[in-house]
Amino acid sequence: MKAAVYYENGGPEVLRYEDVPDPEVKPGEALLRIQAVGVQGGDTLHRQVTPFPSAPHIVGYQAAGTIAAVGAGVTSVREGQRAVAFMASGSHAELAAVPEHNLYAVPDDMDPRIAAGIPVEFGTADDCLFEFGGLKAGETVLIQAAAGGVGVAAVQLAKKAGATVLGTASSDEKLARLAEFGLDHAINYKNEDVVSRVRELTDGRGVDLVLDPVGGSTLEGSINALAYRGRISWVGQAGRERTPPQIGPLMFKNASLRGVYFGGEMGFNPARTRTLIEGLIGRVASGELTMVIDREFPLAEAADAHRYIESRAAFGRVLLIP
């Protein structure tokens, strides 16, 4: 099969498009013929710095397609069925052997390109807002980097839950598009002071909850934007800043900061997250929620896709198509 592989950590240029052996399907696994890869920010981070077990290595942890074969003992999916998969690595390829518990069946009429952007994006957003963020109807939430895959999902979920939704992005164009998905108040962090604007929009009170996938100095701003006893769901370090954020001001607001890692929750509480993901797939299938595709790249151009994601120009999810 063809795959995007690398032999050393580094920038997008380390990715190569090569022939590699087809994966072996073990008992308890199914073989997914990949039709769309939802490229994650974590994929680019793994490529840059995360040690890998052997070379050539296939990065990537989310893809959708059709079940090509099932191993012994597999009962929840069948050959020919459409599914989306979460995996430790291996999504940037034509085929992937995936443990049964990491496969989620999708409706036969769902486009695999849509399915490829649901579990991690919508699951992470839902957990940040509700399971760990405790968001309730009538509250106000600030979503940092709202134009990303998790951000676009979070805007929709928060609005449908009855919250007032504030969001930041790097351009007025992105913010205008977010209004289509439920954004109430737009903040362009390139030319506005986020904390001052939040205070203005909330009559000086601040927000009840912040979803922050950026970290660093942005996280410091999130703390300053909180209302008294506010909460933050911190879900990433997309800013890649090396200086640790100063979190002391949390104390004076009796505020709370929760780290959120959806992959960990999938491992420790698989029954809960399976129910959650299956429900989110159903909500997207019904049209209640929208998975936004920004751009598609051929698998052979995986380096360009990674480069584009790192430019922060994307709105929604970037896909690779084998």
C-alpha atoms as a PDB file:
ATOM      1  CA  MET A   1       0.000   0.000   0.000  1.00  0.00           C
ATOM      2  CA  LYS A   2       0.971   3.654  -0.271  1.00  0.00           C
ATOM      3  CA  ALA A   3       1.544   5.743   2.844  1.00  0.00           C
ATOM      4  CA  ALA A   4       2.996   9.062   3.996  1.00  0.00           C
ATOM      5  CA  VAL A   5       5.948   8.074   6.183  1.00  0.00           C
ATOM      6  CA  TYR A   6       8.958   9.596   7.859  1.00  0.00           C
ATOM      7  CA  TYR A   7      12.295   8.337   9.163  1.00  0.00           C
ATOM      8  CA  GLU A   8      13.102  11.201  11.504  1.00  0.00           C
ATOM      9  CA  ASN A   9      11.300  13.946  13.374  1.00  0.00           C
ATOM     10  CA  GLY A  10      11.193  17.354  11.783  1.00  0.00           C
ATOM     11  CA  GLY A  11       9.216  19.736   9.626  1.00  0.00           C
ATOM     12  CA  PRO A  12       6.727  18.750   6.926  1.00  0.00           C
ATOM     13  CA  GLU A  13       9.600  18.072   4.555  1.00  0.00           C
ATOM     14  CA  VAL A  14      10.456  14.822   6.379  1.00  0.00           C
ATOM     15  CA  LEU A  15       7.257  13.216   5.028  1.00  0.00           C
ATOM     16  CA  ARG A  16       7.716  10.859   2.087  1.00  0.00           C
ATOM     17  CA  TYR A  17       5.140   9.070  -0.047  1.00  0.00           C
ATOM     18  CA  GLU A  18       6.240   5.436  -0.303  1.00  0.00           C
ATOM     19  CA  ASP A  19       5.176   1.828  -0.695  1.00  0.00           C
ATOM     20  CA  VAL A  20       5.011  -0.012   2.611  1.00  0.00           C
ATOM     21  CA  PRO A  21       3.710  -3.491   3.521  1.00  0.00           C
ATOM     22  CA  ASP A  22      -0.023  -3.883   4.018  1.00  0.00           C
ATOM     23  CA  PRO A  23      -0.912  -4.100   7.736  1.00  0.00           C
ATOM     24  CA  GLU A  24      -1.547  -7.532   9.233  1.00  0.00           C
ATOM     25  CA  VAL A  25      -5.006  -7.936  10.751  1.00  0.00           C
ATOM     26  CA  LYS A  26      -4.830  -9.606  14.161  1.00  0.00           C
ATOM     27  CA  PRO A  27      -7.663 -11.088  16.223  1.00  0.00           C
ATOM     28  CA  GLY A  28      -9.829  -8.311  17.582  1.00  0.00           C
ATOM     29  CA  GLU A  29      -8.927  -5.959  14.731  1.00  0.00           C
ATOM     30  CA  ALA A  30     -10.487  -4.883  11.449  1.00  0.00           C
ATOM     31  CA  LEU A  31      -8.820  -3.666   8.284  1.00  0.00           C
ATOM     32  CA  LEU A  32      -9.995  -0.214   7.256  1.00  0.00           C
ATOM     33  CA  ARG A  33      -9.648   0.802   3.614  1.00  0.00           C
ATOM     34  CA  ILE A  34      -9.098   4.512   4.155  1.00  0.00           C
ATOM     35  CA  GLN A  35     -11.007   6.998   2.024  1.00  0.00           C
ATOM     36  CA  ALA A  36     -10.352  10.165   4.028  1.00  0.00           C
ATOM     37  CA  VAL A  37      -7.874  11.181   6.742  1.00  0.00           C
ATOM     38  CA  GLY A  38      -8.807  13.934   9.181  1.00  0.00           C
ATOM     39  CA  VAL A  39      -5.419  15.554   9.805  1.00  0.00           C
ATOM     40  CA  GLN A  40      -5.103  16.671  13.425  1.00  0.00           C
ATOM     41  CA  GLY A  41      -2.903  19.259  15.054  1.00  0.00           C
ATOM     42  CA  GLY A  42      -1.549  16.391  17.130  1.00  0.00           C
ATOM     43  CA  ASP A  43      -0.384  14.685  13.941  1.00  0.00           C
ATOM     44  CA  THR A  44       1.884  17.619  13.164  1.00  0.00           C
ATOM     45  CA  LEU A  45       3.190  17.673  16.742  1.00  0.00           C
ATOM     46  CA  HIS A  46       3.972  13.941  16.640  1.00  0.00           C
ATOM     47  CA  ARG A  47       5.818  14.400  13.357  1.00  0.00           C
ATOM     48  CA  GLN A  48       7.861  17.229  14.830  1.00  0.00           C
ATOM     49  CA  VAL A  49       8.983  15.921  18.200  1.00  0.00           C
ATOM     50  CA  THR A  50       7.357  12.687  19.405  1.00  0.00           C
ATOM     51  CA  PRO A  51       9.623   9.605  19.443  1.00  0.00           C
ATOM     52  CA  PHE A  52       8.341   6.745  17.291  1.00  0.00           C
ATOM     53  CA  PRO A  53       8.952   3.001  17.639  1.00  0.00           C
ATOM     54  CA  SER A  54      10.377   2.185  14.206  1.00  0.00           C
ATOM     55  CA  ALA A  55      11.003   3.594  10.747  1.00  0.00           C
ATOM     56  CA  PRO A  56       9.401   4.146   8.378  1.00  0.00           C
ATOM     57  CA  HIS A  57       6.685   5.511  10.647  1.00  0.00           C
ATOM     58  CA  ILE A  58       3.113   6.315   9.587  1.00  0.00           C
ATOM     59  CA  VAL A  59       1.694   9.175  11.609  1.00  0.00           C
ATOM     60  CA  GLY A  60      -1.961  10.030  12.179  1.00  0.00           C
ATOM     61  CA  TYR A  61      -4.804   8.973  14.428  1.00  0.00           C
ATOM     62  CA  GLN A  62      -8.138   9.518  12.683  1.00  0.00           C
ATOM     63  CA  ALA A  63      -9.477   8.247   9.354  1.00  0.00           C
ATOM     64  CA  ALA A  64     -12.684   7.001   7.789  1.00  0.00           C
ATOM     65  CA  GLY A  65     -13.450   4.496   5.064  1.00  0.00           C
ATOM     66  CA  THR A  66     -14.810   1.013   4.509  1.00  0.00           C
ATOM     67  CA  ILE A  67     -14.106  -2.182   6.440  1.00  0.00           C
ATOM     68  CA  ALA A  68     -12.104  -4.415   4.085  1.00  0.00           C
ATOM     69  CA  ALA A  69     -11.702  -7.403   6.413  1.00  0.00           C
ATOM     70  CA  VAL A  70     -12.352  -8.400  10.022  1.00  0.00           C
ATOM     71  CA  GLY A  71     -10.156 -10.426  12.337  1.00  0.00           C
ATOM     72  CA  ALA A  72     -11.209 -13.251  14.594  1.00  0.00           C
ATOM     73  CA  GLY A  73     -13.648 -12.274  17.314  1.00  0.00           C
ATOM     74  CA  VAL A  74     -14.783  -8.985  15.756  1.00  0.00           C
ATOM     75  CA  THR A  75     -18.556  -8.603  15.917  1.00  0.00           C
ATOM     76  CA  SER A  76     -19.425  -4.879  15.975  1.00  0.00           C
ATOM     77  CA  VAL A  77     -18.390  -4.120  12.383  1.00  0.00           C
ATOM     78  CA  ARG A  78     -18.658  -6.159   9.200  1.00  0.00           C
ATOM     79  CA  GLU A  79     -16.867  -6.271   5.873  1.00  0.00           C
ATOM     80  CA  GLY A  80     -18.180  -3.595   3.518  1.00  0.00           C
ATOM     81  CA  GLN A  81     -19.446  -1.349   6.327  1.00  0.00           C
ATOM     82  CA  ARG A  82     -18.442   2.297   6.576  1.00  0.00           C
ATOM     83  CA  ALA A  83     -16.593   3.313   9.720  1.00  0.00           C
ATOM     84  CA  VAL A  84     -14.396   5.956  11.276  1.00  0.00           C
ATOM     85  CA  ALA A  85     -11.356   4.968  13.323  1.00  0.00           C
ATOM     86  CA  PHE A  86      -9.236   6.430  16.085  1.00  0.00           C
ATOM     87  CA  MET A  87      -5.750   4.943  16.297  1.00  0.00           C
ATOM     88  CA  ALA A  88      -2.422   5.541  17.982  1.00  0.00           C
ATOM     89  CA  SER A  89      -0.778   6.002  14.574  1.00  0.00           C
ATOM     90  CA  GLY A  90      -1.179   4.888  10.990  1.00  0.00           C
ATOM     91  CA  SER A  91      -3.932   7.041   9.479  1.00  0.00           C
ATOM     92  CA  HIS A  92      -1.784   8.552   6.715  1.00  0.00           C
ATOM     93  CA  ALA A  93      -2.097   5.449   4.531  1.00  0.00           C
ATOM     94  CA  GLU A  94      -4.378   3.506   2.213  1.00  0.00           C
ATOM     95  CA  LEU A  95      -5.040   0.800   4.822  1.00  0.00           C
ATOM     96  CA  ALA A  96      -4.971   0.554   8.607  1.00  0.00           C
ATOM     97  CA  ALA A  97      -5.486  -2.333  11.033  1.00  0.00           C
ATOM     98  CA  VAL A  98      -7.540  -0.940  13.902  1.00  0.00           C
ATOM     99  CA  PRO A  99      -8.658  -2.548  17.196  1.00  0.00           C
ATOM    100  CA  GLU A 100     -12.402  -3.121  17.234  1.00  0.00           C
ATOM    101  CA  HIS A 101     -12.896  -0.856  20.241  1.00  0.00           C
ATOM    102  CA  ASN A 102     -11.467   2.075  18.263  1.00  0.00           C
ATOM    103  CA  LEU A 103     -13.872   1.692  15.338  1.00  0.00           C
ATOM    104  CA  TYR A 104     -17.189   3.507  15.074  1.00  0.00           C
ATOM    105  CA  ALA A 105     -19.770   2.510  12.482  1.00  0.00           C
ATOM    106  CA  VAL A 106     -21.242   5.367  10.450  1.00  0.00           C
ATOM    107  CA  PRO A 107     -24.402   5.458   8.335  1.00  0.00           C
ATOM    108  CA  ASP A 108     -24.042   3.966   4.863  1.00  0.00           C
ATOM    109  CA  ASP A 109     -25.014   7.281   3.289  1.00  0.00           C
ATOM    110  CA  MET A 110     -22.492   9.355   5.250  1.00  0.00           C
ATOM    111  CA  ASP A 111     -19.603  10.679   3.166  1.00  0.00           C
ATOM    112  CA  PRO A 112     -16.325   9.294   4.612  1.00  0.00           C
ATOM    113  CA  ARG A 113     -14.873  12.791   4.275  1.00  0.00           C
ATOM    114  CA  ILE A 114     -17.429  14.008   6.819  1.00  0.00           C
ATOM    115  CA  ALA A 115     -16.965  11.018   9.119  1.00  0.00           C
ATOM    116  CA  ALA A 116     -13.192  11.607   9.164  1.00  0.00           C
ATOM    117  CA  GLY A 117     -13.685  14.844  11.096  1.00  0.00           C
ATOM    118  CA  ILE A 118     -16.117  13.833  13.840  1.00  0.00           C
ATOM    119  CA  PRO A 119     -14.776  11.741  16.783  1.00  0.00           C
ATOM    120  CA  VAL A 120     -11.801  13.758  18.011  1.00  0.00           C
ATOM    121  CA  GLU A 121     -13.090  17.187  16.996  1.00  0.00           C
ATOM    122  CA  PHE A 122     -16.641  16.939  18.295  1.00  0.00           C
ATOM    123  CA  GLY A 123     -15.777  14.601  21.175  1.00  0.00           C
ATOM    124  CA  THR A 124     -13.071  16.958  22.433  1.00  0.00           C
ATOM    125  CA  ALA A 125     -15.329  19.984  22.094  1.00  0.00           C
ATOM    126  CA  ASP A 126     -18.179  18.246  23.916  1.00  0.00           C
ATOM    127  CA  ASP A 127     -15.975  17.141  26.806  1.00  0.00           C
ATOM    128  CA  CYS A 128     -14.378  20.594  27.126  1.00  0.00           C
ATOM    129  CA  LEU A 129     -17.773  22.252  27.272  1.00  0.00           C
ATOM    130  CA  PHE A 130     -19.866  19.824  29.298  1.00  0.00           C
ATOM    131  CA  GLU A 131     -18.088  16.867  30.945  1.00  0.00           C
ATOM    132  CA  PHE A 132     -15.186  18.954  32.271  1.00  0.00           C
ATOM    133  CA  GLY A 133     -16.406  22.504  31.623  1.00  0.00           C
ATOM    134  CA  GLY A 134     -19.845  22.142  33.186  1.00  0.00           C
ATOM    135  CA  LEU A 135     -21.438  24.544  30.703  1.00  0.00           C
ATOM    136  CA  LYS A 136     -25.116  25.292  31.340  1.00  0.00           C
ATOM    137  CA  ALA A 137     -27.794  27.109  29.383  1.00  0.00           C
ATOM    138  CA  GLY A 138     -27.633  30.856  29.973  1.00  0.00           C
ATOM    139  CA  GLU A 139     -23.881  30.908  30.643  1.00  0.00           C
ATOM    140  CA  THR A 140     -21.250  32.662  28.537  1.00  0.00           C
ATOM    141  CA  VAL A 141     -18.349  30.809  26.925  1.00  0.00           C
ATOM    142  CA  LEU A 142     -15.215  32.058  25.185  1.00  0.00           C
ATOM    143  CA  ILE A 143     -13.768  29.730  22.551  1.00  0.00           C
ATOM    144  CA  GLN A 144     -10.162  30.528  21.711  1.00  0.00           C
ATOM    145  CA  ALA A 145      -9.004  29.635  18.165  1.00  0.00           C
ATOM    146  CA  ALA A 146     -12.639  29.140  17.237  1.00  0.00           C
ATOM    147  CA  ALA A 147     -11.947  28.554  13.528  1.00  0.00           C
ATOM    148  CA  GLY A 148     -10.088  25.270  14.091  1.00  0.00           C
ATOM    149  CA  GLY A 149     -11.666  21.830  13.914  1.00  0.00           C
ATOM    150  CA  VAL A 150     -12.419  21.675  17.642  1.00  0.00           C
ATOM    151  CA  GLY A 151     -13.377  25.352  17.712  1.00  0.00           C
ATOM    152  CA  VAL A 152     -16.003  25.117  14.957  1.00  0.00           C
ATOM    153  CA  ALA A 153     -17.496  22.074  16.691  1.00  0.00           C
ATOM    154  CA  ALA A 154     -17.506  23.862  20.042  1.00  0.00           C
ATOM    155  CA  VAL A 155     -19.262  26.950  18.672  1.00  0.00           C
ATOM    156  CA  GLN A 156     -22.113  24.775  17.416  1.00  0.00           C
ATOM    157  CA  LEU A 157     -22.394  22.639  20.539  1.00  0.00           C
ATOM    158  CA  ALA A 158     -22.304  25.599  22.916  1.00  0.00           C
ATOM    159  CA  LYS A 159     -24.901  27.554  20.970  1.00  0.00           C
ATOM    160  CA  LYS A 160     -27.260  24.579  20.780  1.00  0.00           C
ATOM    161  CA  ALA A 161     -26.905  24.160  24.546  1.00  0.00           C
ATOM    162  CA  GLY A 162     -28.233  27.675  25.116  1.00  0.00           C
ATOM    163  CA  ALA A 163     -24.966  29.500  25.857  1.00  0.00           C
ATOM    164  CA  THR A 164     -23.828  32.909  24.657  1.00  0.00           C
ATOM    165  CA  VAL A 165     -20.786  32.215  22.502  1.00  0.00           C
ATOM    166  CA  LEU A 166     -17.742  34.442  22.120  1.00  0.00           C
ATOM    167  CA  GLY A 167     -14.926  33.340  19.831  1.00  0.00           C
ATOM    168  CA  THR A 168     -11.490  34.440  18.701  1.00  0.00           C
ATOM    169  CA  ALA A 169      -9.873  34.007  15.292  1.00  0.00           C
ATOM    170  CA  SER A 170      -7.145  35.645  13.239  1.00  0.00           C
ATOM    171  CA  SER A 171      -9.294  37.254  10.544  1.00  0.00           C
ATOM    172  CA  ASP A 172     -12.616  38.967  10.093  1.00  0.00           C
ATOM    173  CA  GLU A 173     -13.393  36.520   7.276  1.00  0.00           C
ATOM    174  CA  LYS A 174     -13.121  33.516   9.595  1.00  0.00           C
ATOM    175  CA  LEU A 175     -15.189  35.248  12.245  1.00  0.00           C
ATOM    176  CA  ALA A 176     -17.915  36.073   9.745  1.00  0.00           C
ATOM    177  CA  ARG A 177     -18.118  32.416   8.781  1.00  0.00           C
ATOM    178  CA  LEU A 178     -18.331  31.388  12.435  1.00  0.00           C
ATOM    179  CA  ALA A 179     -21.472  33.489  12.792  1.00  0.00           C
ATOM    180  CA  GLU A 180     -23.149  30.988  10.463  1.00  0.00           C
ATOM    181  CA  PHE A 181     -22.543  28.287  13.089  1.00  0.00           C
ATOM    182  CA  GLY A 182     -23.789  30.200  16.125  1.00  0.00           C
ATOM    183  CA  LEU A 183     -21.051  32.640  17.153  1.00  0.00           C
ATOM    184  CA  ASP A 184     -22.656  35.574  18.980  1.00  0.00           C
ATOM    185  CA  HIS A 185     -19.633  37.835  19.430  1.00  0.00           C
ATOM    186  CA  ALA A 186     -16.479  37.847  17.278  1.00  0.00           C
ATOM    187  CA  ILE A 187     -13.034  38.892  18.492  1.00  0.00           C
ATOM    188  CA  ASN A 188     -10.135  39.296  16.050  1.00  0.00           C
ATOM    189  CA  TYR A 189      -7.100  38.601  18.212  1.00  0.00           C
ATOM    190  CA  LYS A 190      -4.805  40.125  15.594  1.00  0.00           C
ATOM    191  CA  ASN A 191      -6.133  43.651  16.074  1.00  0.00           C
ATOM    192  CA  GLU A 192      -8.169  43.567  19.300  1.00  0.00           C
ATOM    193  CA  ASP A 193      -7.226  43.054  22.928  1.00  0.00           C
ATOM    194  CA  VAL A 194      -9.127  39.869  23.742  1.00  0.00           C
ATOM    195  CA  VAL A 195      -9.507  40.455  27.476  1.00  0.00           C
ATOM    196  CA  SER A 196     -10.661  44.061  27.063  1.00  0.00           C
ATOM    197  CA  ARG A 197     -13.168  43.028  24.415  1.00  0.00           C
ATOM    198  CA  VAL A 198     -14.514  40.203  26.594  1.00  0.00           C
ATOM    199  CA  ARG A 199     -14.953  42.619  29.487  1.00  0.00           C
ATOM    200  CA  GLU A 200     -16.777  45.035  27.196  1.00  0.00           C
ATOM    201  CA  LEU A 201     -19.090  42.345  25.856  1.00  0.00           C
ATOM    202  CA  THR A 202     -19.922  41.011  29.333  1.00  0.00           C
ATOM    203  CA  ASP A 203     -20.374  44.377  31.077  1.00  0.00           C
ATOM    204  CA  GLY A 204     -17.151  43.838  32.996  1.00  0.00           C
ATOM    205  CA  ARG A 205     -18.111  40.462  34.420  1.00  0.00           C
ATOM    206  CA  GLY A 206     -16.065  38.064  32.279  1.00  0.00           C
ATOM    207  CA  VAL A 207     -17.091  34.669  30.925  1.00  0.00           C
ATOM    208  CA  ASP A 208     -18.178  31.565  32.807  1.00  0.00           C
ATOM    209  CA  LEU A 209     -16.083  29.152  30.736  1.00  0.00           C
ATOM    210  CA  VAL A 210     -13.146  29.307  28.333  1.00  0.00           C
ATOM    211  CA  LEU A 211     -12.149  26.563  25.908  1.00  0.00           C
ATOM    212  CA  ASP A 212      -8.440  27.107  25.256  1.00  0.00           C
ATOM    213  CA  PRO A 213      -6.476  24.929  22.796  1.00  0.00           C
ATOM    214  CA  VAL A 214      -3.572  27.380  22.527  1.00  0.00           C
ATOM    215  CA  GLY A 215      -1.910  27.657  25.937  1.00  0.00           C
ATOM    216  CA  GLY A 216       0.985  29.974  26.730  1.00  0.00           C
ATOM    217  CA  SER A 217       0.210  33.684  26.803  1.00  0.00           C
ATOM    218  CA  THR A 218      -3.229  32.957  25.332  1.00  0.00           C
ATOM    219  CA  LEU A 219      -4.024  30.882  28.416  1.00  0.00           C
ATOM    220  CA  GLU A 220      -2.994  33.814  30.584  1.00  0.00           C
ATOM    221  CA  GLY A 221      -5.500  35.919  28.673  1.00  0.00           C
ATOM    222  CA  SER A 222      -8.134  33.251  29.167  1.00  0.00           C
ATOM    223  CA  ILE A 223      -7.608  33.452  32.921  1.00  0.00           C
ATOM    224  CA  ASN A 224      -7.950  37.229  32.839  1.00  0.00           C
ATOM    225  CA  ALA A 225     -11.162  36.916  30.796  1.00  0.00           C
ATOM    226  CA  LEU A 226     -12.859  34.718  33.400  1.00  0.00           C
ATOM    227  CA  ALA A 227     -15.654  35.773  35.666  1.00  0.00           C
ATOM    228  CA  TYR A 228     -15.408  35.076  39.392  1.00  0.00           C
ATOM    229  CA  ARG A 229     -15.429  31.282  39.913  1.00  0.00           C
ATOM    230  CA  GLY A 230     -15.099  30.765  36.176  1.00  0.00           C
ATOM    231  CA  ARG A 231     -13.679  27.620  34.565  1.00  0.00           C
ATOM    232  CA  ILE A 232     -11.162  26.875  31.840  1.00  0.00           C
ATOM    233  CA  SER A 233     -10.905  23.708  29.756  1.00  0.00           C
ATOM    234  CA  TRP A 234      -7.306  23.668  28.550  1.00  0.00           C
ATOM    235  CA  VAL A 235      -6.986  21.288  25.638  1.00  0.00           C
ATOM    236  CA  GLY A 236      -3.683  21.953  23.899  1.00  0.00           C
ATOM    237  CA  GLN A 237      -0.584  24.018  23.304  1.00  0.00           C
ATOM    238  CA  ALA A 238      -1.076  25.037  19.690  1.00  0.00           C
ATOM    239  CA  GLY A 239       0.853  28.239  20.385  1.00  0.00           C
ATOM    240  CA  ARG A 240       4.024  26.168  20.955  1.00  0.00           C
ATOM    241  CA  GLU A 241       5.323  28.737  23.455  1.00  0.00           C
ATOM    242  CA  ARG A 242       8.138  27.452  25.629  1.00  0.00           C
ATOM    243  CA  THR A 243       7.604  29.785  28.585  1.00  0.00           C
ATOM    244  CA  PRO A 244       5.106  28.301  31.058  1.00  0.00           C
ATOM    245  CA  PRO A 245       1.973  30.428  31.492  1.00  0.00           C
ATOM    246  CA  GLN A 246       1.459  32.281  34.739  1.00  0.00           C
ATOM    247  CA  ILE A 247      -1.654  30.803  36.328  1.00  0.00           C
ATOM    248  CA  GLY A 248      -1.491  32.522  39.732  1.00  0.00           C
ATOM    249  CA  PRO A 249      -4.415  34.892  38.981  1.00  0.00           C
ATOM    250  CA  LEU A 250      -6.737  31.873  39.053  1.00  0.00           C
ATOM    251  CA  MET A 251      -6.428  31.905  42.826  1.00  0.00           C
ATOM    252  CA  PHE A 252      -7.826  35.393  43.264  1.00  0.00           C
ATOM    253  CA  LYS A 253     -10.947  34.506  41.273  1.00  0.00           C
ATOM    254  CA  ASN A 254     -11.486  31.116  42.937  1.00  0.00           C
ATOM    255  CA  ALA A 255     -11.417  29.915  39.347  1.00  0.00           C
ATOM    256  CA  SER A 256     -10.542  26.467  38.052  1.00  0.00           C
ATOM    257  CA  LEU A 257      -8.344  25.108  35.270  1.00  0.00           C
ATOM    258  CA  ARG A 258      -8.983  21.612  33.898  1.00  0.00           C
ATOM    259  CA  GLY A 259      -6.692  19.858  31.475  1.00  0.00           C
ATOM    260  CA  VAL A 260      -8.640  17.910  28.862  1.00  0.00           C
ATOM    261  CA  TYR A 261      -7.266  15.070  26.729  1.00  0.00           C
ATOM    262  CA  PHE A 262      -9.988  13.224  24.881  1.00  0.00           C
ATOM    263  CA  GLY A 263      -7.683  10.352  23.898  1.00  0.00           C
ATOM    264  CA  GLY A 264      -7.065   9.661  27.570  1.00  0.00           C
ATOM    265  CA  GLU A 265     -10.762   9.711  28.314  1.00  0.00           C
ATOM    266  CA  MET A 266     -11.341   7.247  25.466  1.00  0.00           C
ATOM    267  CA  GLY A 267      -8.853   4.917  27.128  1.00  0.00           C
ATOM    268  CA  PHE A 268     -10.083   5.217  30.715  1.00  0.00           C
ATOM    269  CA  ASN A 269     -13.825   5.549  30.071  1.00  0.00           C
ATOM    270  CA  PRO A 270     -14.450   3.827  26.726  1.00  0.00           C
ATOM    271  CA  ALA A 271     -18.130   3.083  27.344  1.00  0.00           C
ATOM    272  CA  ARG A 272     -18.934   6.737  28.007  1.00  0.00           C
ATOM    273  CA  THR A 273     -16.920   8.089  25.081  1.00  0.00           C
ATOM    274  CA  ARG A 274     -18.321   5.470  22.690  1.00  0.00           C
ATOM    275  CA  THR A 275     -21.844   6.538  23.543  1.00  0.00           C
ATOM    276  CA  LEU A 276     -20.812  10.174  23.151  1.00  0.00           C
ATOM    277  CA  ILE A 277     -19.135   9.664  19.759  1.00  0.00           C
ATOM    278  CA  GLU A 278     -21.968   7.563  18.399  1.00  0.00           C
ATOM    279  CA  GLY A 279     -24.396  10.280  19.444  1.00  0.00           C
ATOM    280  CA  LEU A 280     -22.304  12.976  17.781  1.00  0.00           C
ATOM    281  CA  ILE A 281     -22.081  10.953  14.568  1.00  0.00           C
ATOM    282  CA  GLY A 282     -25.869  10.746  14.630  1.00  0.00           C
ATOM    283  CA  ARG A 283     -26.229  14.495  15.161  1.00  0.00           C
ATOM    284  CA  VAL A 284     -23.954  15.214  12.200  1.00  0.00           C
ATOM    285  CA  ALA A 285     -25.791  12.639  10.070  1.00  0.00           C
ATOM    286  CA  SER A 286     -29.125  14.296  10.884  1.00  0.00           C
ATOM    287  CA  GLY A 287     -27.828  17.728   9.893  1.00  0.00           C
ATOM    288  CA  GLU A 288     -28.071  19.161  13.407  1.00  0.00           C
ATOM    289  CA  LEU A 289     -24.283  19.613  13.505  1.00  0.00           C
ATOM    290  CA  THR A 290     -21.921  20.371  10.620  1.00  0.00           C
ATOM    291  CA  MET A 291     -18.408  19.055  10.044  1.00  0.00           C
ATOM    292  CA  VAL A 292     -16.658  21.788   8.054  1.00  0.00           C
ATOM    293  CA  ILE A 293     -14.060  20.784   5.461  1.00  0.00           C
ATOM    294  CA  ASP A 294     -11.524  23.468   4.641  1.00  0.00           C
ATOM    295  CA  ARG A 295      -9.268  21.785   2.069  1.00  0.00           C
ATOM    296  CA  GLU A 296      -8.448  18.348   0.702  1.00  0.00           C
ATOM    297  CA  PHE A 297      -5.001  17.159  -0.331  1.00  0.00           C
ATOM    298  CA  PRO A 298      -3.999  13.909  -2.031  1.00  0.00           C
ATOM    299  CA  LEU A 299      -2.197  11.556   0.353  1.00  0.00           C
ATOM    300  CA  ALA A 300       0.881  12.003  -1.829  1.00  0.00           C
ATOM    301  CA  GLU A 301       0.883  15.675  -0.778  1.00  0.00           C
ATOM    302  CA  ALA A 302       0.778  15.038   2.969  1.00  0.00           C
ATOM    303  CA  ALA A 303       3.717  17.391   3.503  1.00  0.00           C
ATOM    304  CA  ASP A 304       1.772  20.239   1.905  1.00  0.00           C
ATOM    305  CA  ALA A 305      -1.264  19.437   4.059  1.00  0.00           C
ATOM    306  CA  HIS A 306       0.842  19.561   7.237  1.00  0.00           C
ATOM    307  CA  ARG A 307       2.467  22.776   6.080  1.00  0.00           C
ATOM    308  CA  TYR A 308      -0.945  24.318   5.428  1.00  0.00           C
ATOM    309  CA  ILE A 309      -2.234  23.346   8.886  1.00  0.00           C
ATOM    310  CA  GLU A 310       0.820  24.850  10.527  1.00  0.00           C
ATOM    311  CA  SER A 311       0.187  28.119   8.658  1.00  0.00           C
ATOM    312  CA  ARG A 312      -3.050  28.434  10.714  1.00  0.00           C
ATOM    313  CA  ALA A 313      -4.945  29.439   7.590  1.00  0.00           C
ATOM    314  CA  ALA A 314      -7.483  26.610   7.837  1.00  0.00           C
ATOM    315  CA  PHE A 315     -11.130  27.007   8.777  1.00  0.00           C
ATOM    316  CA  GLY A 316     -12.385  23.650  10.022  1.00  0.00           C
ATOM    317  CA  ARG A 317     -10.744  20.379   9.105  1.00  0.00           C
ATOM    318  CA  VAL A 318      -8.052  19.556   6.530  1.00  0.00           C
ATOM    319  CA  LEU A 319      -8.291  16.144   4.853  1.00  0.00           C
ATOM    320  CA  LEU A 320      -5.942  13.768   3.059  1.00  0.00           C
ATOM    321  CA  ILE A 321      -7.471  11.606   0.351  1.00  0.00           C
ATOM    322  CA  PRO A 322      -5.626   8.333  -0.509  1.00  0.00           C
END
